[in-house]
Amino acid sequence: MIKSSSAIALGFFDGVHLAHQKIIKAAVDHAKKNNLLPIALRFGSSPVVLLCPEKVRYIATSAEKKRIIKMTINEIRRKVC
């Protein structure tokens, strides 16, 4: 459980492409400006799983996404801190 105020980037982040990185960066930037904890919170599965399960395609595995998100946040921190 998080016990401090935070800025959350919320999404499925299926491959952490440039648009996803932009969302995460916005949360990190907002957190830095407002002395908040930046968090990337991702859905475990795509909303498409419920709506159109036959169309589900994953770009990266769950472990790969976690690794990429962590690298993205660390890279953004190095650039803004």
C-alpha atoms as a PDB file:
ATOM      1  CA  MET A   1       0.000   0.000   0.000  1.00  0.00           C
ATOM      2  CA  ILE A   2       1.279   3.449  -0.937  1.00  0.00           C
ATOM      3  CA  LYS A   3       1.153   5.916   1.949  1.00  0.00           C
ATOM      4  CA  SER A   4       2.227   9.084   0.168  1.00  0.00           C
ATOM      5  CA  SER A   5       0.676  11.265  -2.471  1.00  0.00           C
ATOM      6  CA  SER A   6       1.524  10.111  -5.966  1.00  0.00           C
ATOM      7  CA  ALA A   7       1.259  10.845  -9.669  1.00  0.00           C
ATOM      8  CA  ILE A   8       0.067   7.753 -11.520  1.00  0.00           C
ATOM      9  CA  ALA A   9       0.562   6.756 -15.148  1.00  0.00           C
ATOM     10  CA  LEU A  10      -2.274   4.278 -15.678  1.00  0.00           C
ATOM     11  CA  GLY A  11      -2.537   1.962 -18.662  1.00  0.00           C
ATOM     12  CA  PHE A  12      -2.099  -1.462 -20.191  1.00  0.00           C
ATOM     13  CA  PHE A  13       1.314  -0.510 -21.618  1.00  0.00           C
ATOM     14  CA  ASP A  14       1.370  -3.402 -24.083  1.00  0.00           C
ATOM     15  CA  GLY A  15       4.806  -2.603 -25.454  1.00  0.00           C
ATOM     16  CA  VAL A  16       5.844   0.652 -23.775  1.00  0.00           C
ATOM     17  CA  HIS A  17       6.183   2.428 -27.125  1.00  0.00           C
ATOM     18  CA  LEU A  18       6.820   6.172 -27.471  1.00  0.00           C
ATOM     19  CA  ALA A  19       3.240   7.159 -26.601  1.00  0.00           C
ATOM     20  CA  HIS A  20       3.400   5.063 -23.430  1.00  0.00           C
ATOM     21  CA  GLN A  21       6.759   6.596 -22.548  1.00  0.00           C
ATOM     22  CA  LYS A  22       5.193  10.052 -22.981  1.00  0.00           C
ATOM     23  CA  ILE A  23       2.413   9.149 -20.512  1.00  0.00           C
ATOM     24  CA  ILE A  24       4.937   7.815 -17.996  1.00  0.00           C
ATOM     25  CA  LYS A  25       7.151  10.886 -18.455  1.00  0.00           C
ATOM     26  CA  ALA A  26       4.174  13.176 -17.825  1.00  0.00           C
ATOM     27  CA  ALA A  27       3.509  11.409 -14.511  1.00  0.00           C
ATOM     28  CA  VAL A  28       7.193  11.631 -13.534  1.00  0.00           C
ATOM     29  CA  ASP A  29       7.356  15.329 -14.483  1.00  0.00           C
ATOM     30  CA  HIS A  30       4.154  16.097 -12.570  1.00  0.00           C
ATOM     31  CA  ALA A  31       5.464  14.156  -9.566  1.00  0.00           C
ATOM     32  CA  LYS A  32       8.756  16.042  -9.587  1.00  0.00           C
ATOM     33  CA  LYS A  33       7.068  19.465  -9.804  1.00  0.00           C
ATOM     34  CA  ASN A  34       4.674  18.618  -6.971  1.00  0.00           C
ATOM     35  CA  ASN A  35       6.938  16.535  -4.708  1.00  0.00           C
ATOM     36  CA  LEU A  36       4.945  13.366  -5.357  1.00  0.00           C
ATOM     37  CA  LEU A  37       5.877   9.729  -5.826  1.00  0.00           C
ATOM     38  CA  PRO A  38       5.731   8.744  -9.538  1.00  0.00           C
ATOM     39  CA  ILE A  39       4.015   5.412 -10.171  1.00  0.00           C
ATOM     40  CA  ALA A  40       3.361   3.430 -13.341  1.00  0.00           C
ATOM     41  CA  LEU A  41       0.296   1.269 -12.717  1.00  0.00           C
ATOM     42  CA  ARG A  42      -0.541  -1.158 -15.486  1.00  0.00           C
ATOM     43  CA  PHE A  43      -3.492  -3.392 -16.119  1.00  0.00           C
ATOM     44  CA  GLY A  44      -2.643  -7.103 -16.064  1.00  0.00           C
ATOM     45  CA  SER A  45      -4.525  -7.735 -19.263  1.00  0.00           C
ATOM     46  CA  SER A  46      -5.927  -5.694 -22.087  1.00  0.00           C
ATOM     47  CA  PRO A  47      -9.530  -4.482 -21.887  1.00  0.00           C
ATOM     48  CA  VAL A  48      -9.851  -6.156 -25.301  1.00  0.00           C
ATOM     49  CA  VAL A  49      -9.765  -9.524 -23.491  1.00  0.00           C
ATOM     50  CA  LEU A  50     -13.297  -8.826 -22.267  1.00  0.00           C
ATOM     51  CA  LEU A  51     -14.606  -7.092 -25.367  1.00  0.00           C
ATOM     52  CA  CYS A  52     -13.083  -9.062 -28.266  1.00  0.00           C
ATOM     53  CA  PRO A  53     -11.000 -11.962 -26.939  1.00  0.00           C
ATOM     54  CA  GLU A  54     -10.403 -13.309 -30.444  1.00  0.00           C
ATOM     55  CA  LYS A  55      -8.477 -10.119 -31.315  1.00  0.00           C
ATOM     56  CA  VAL A  56      -6.008 -10.186 -28.407  1.00  0.00           C
ATOM     57  CA  ARG A  57      -2.366  -9.787 -29.436  1.00  0.00           C
ATOM     58  CA  TYR A  58       0.392  -9.066 -26.963  1.00  0.00           C
ATOM     59  CA  ILE A  59       3.489  -7.122 -28.007  1.00  0.00           C
ATOM     60  CA  ALA A  60       5.497  -7.951 -24.873  1.00  0.00           C
ATOM     61  CA  THR A  61       5.200 -10.428 -22.010  1.00  0.00           C
ATOM     62  CA  SER A  62       4.289  -9.205 -18.531  1.00  0.00           C
ATOM     63  CA  ALA A  63       7.907  -9.593 -17.348  1.00  0.00           C
ATOM     64  CA  GLU A  64       9.186  -7.636 -20.370  1.00  0.00           C
ATOM     65  CA  LYS A  65       6.716  -4.823 -19.709  1.00  0.00           C
ATOM     66  CA  LYS A  66       7.796  -4.542 -16.071  1.00  0.00           C
ATOM     67  CA  ARG A  67      11.444  -4.371 -17.127  1.00  0.00           C
ATOM     68  CA  ILE A  68      10.768  -1.763 -19.842  1.00  0.00           C
ATOM     69  CA  ILE A  69       8.613   0.416 -17.564  1.00  0.00           C
ATOM     70  CA  LYS A  70      11.313   0.350 -14.862  1.00  0.00           C
ATOM     71  CA  MET A  71      13.976   1.266 -17.435  1.00  0.00           C
ATOM     72  CA  THR A  72      11.754   4.053 -18.815  1.00  0.00           C
ATOM     73  CA  ILE A  73      11.151   5.577 -15.380  1.00  0.00           C
ATOM     74  CA  ASN A  74      14.852   5.344 -14.495  1.00  0.00           C
ATOM     75  CA  GLU A  75      15.826   6.989 -17.805  1.00  0.00           C
ATOM     76  CA  ILE A  76      13.315   9.802 -17.309  1.00  0.00           C
ATOM     77  CA  ARG A  77      14.563  10.347 -13.748  1.00  0.00           C
ATOM     78  CA  ARG A  78      18.146  10.630 -15.013  1.00  0.00           C
ATOM     79  CA  LYS A  79      17.053  13.298 -17.509  1.00  0.00           C
ATOM     80  CA  VAL A  80      14.941  15.409 -15.146  1.00  0.00           C
ATOM     81  CA  CYS A  81      16.717  15.015 -11.788  1.00  0.00           C
END
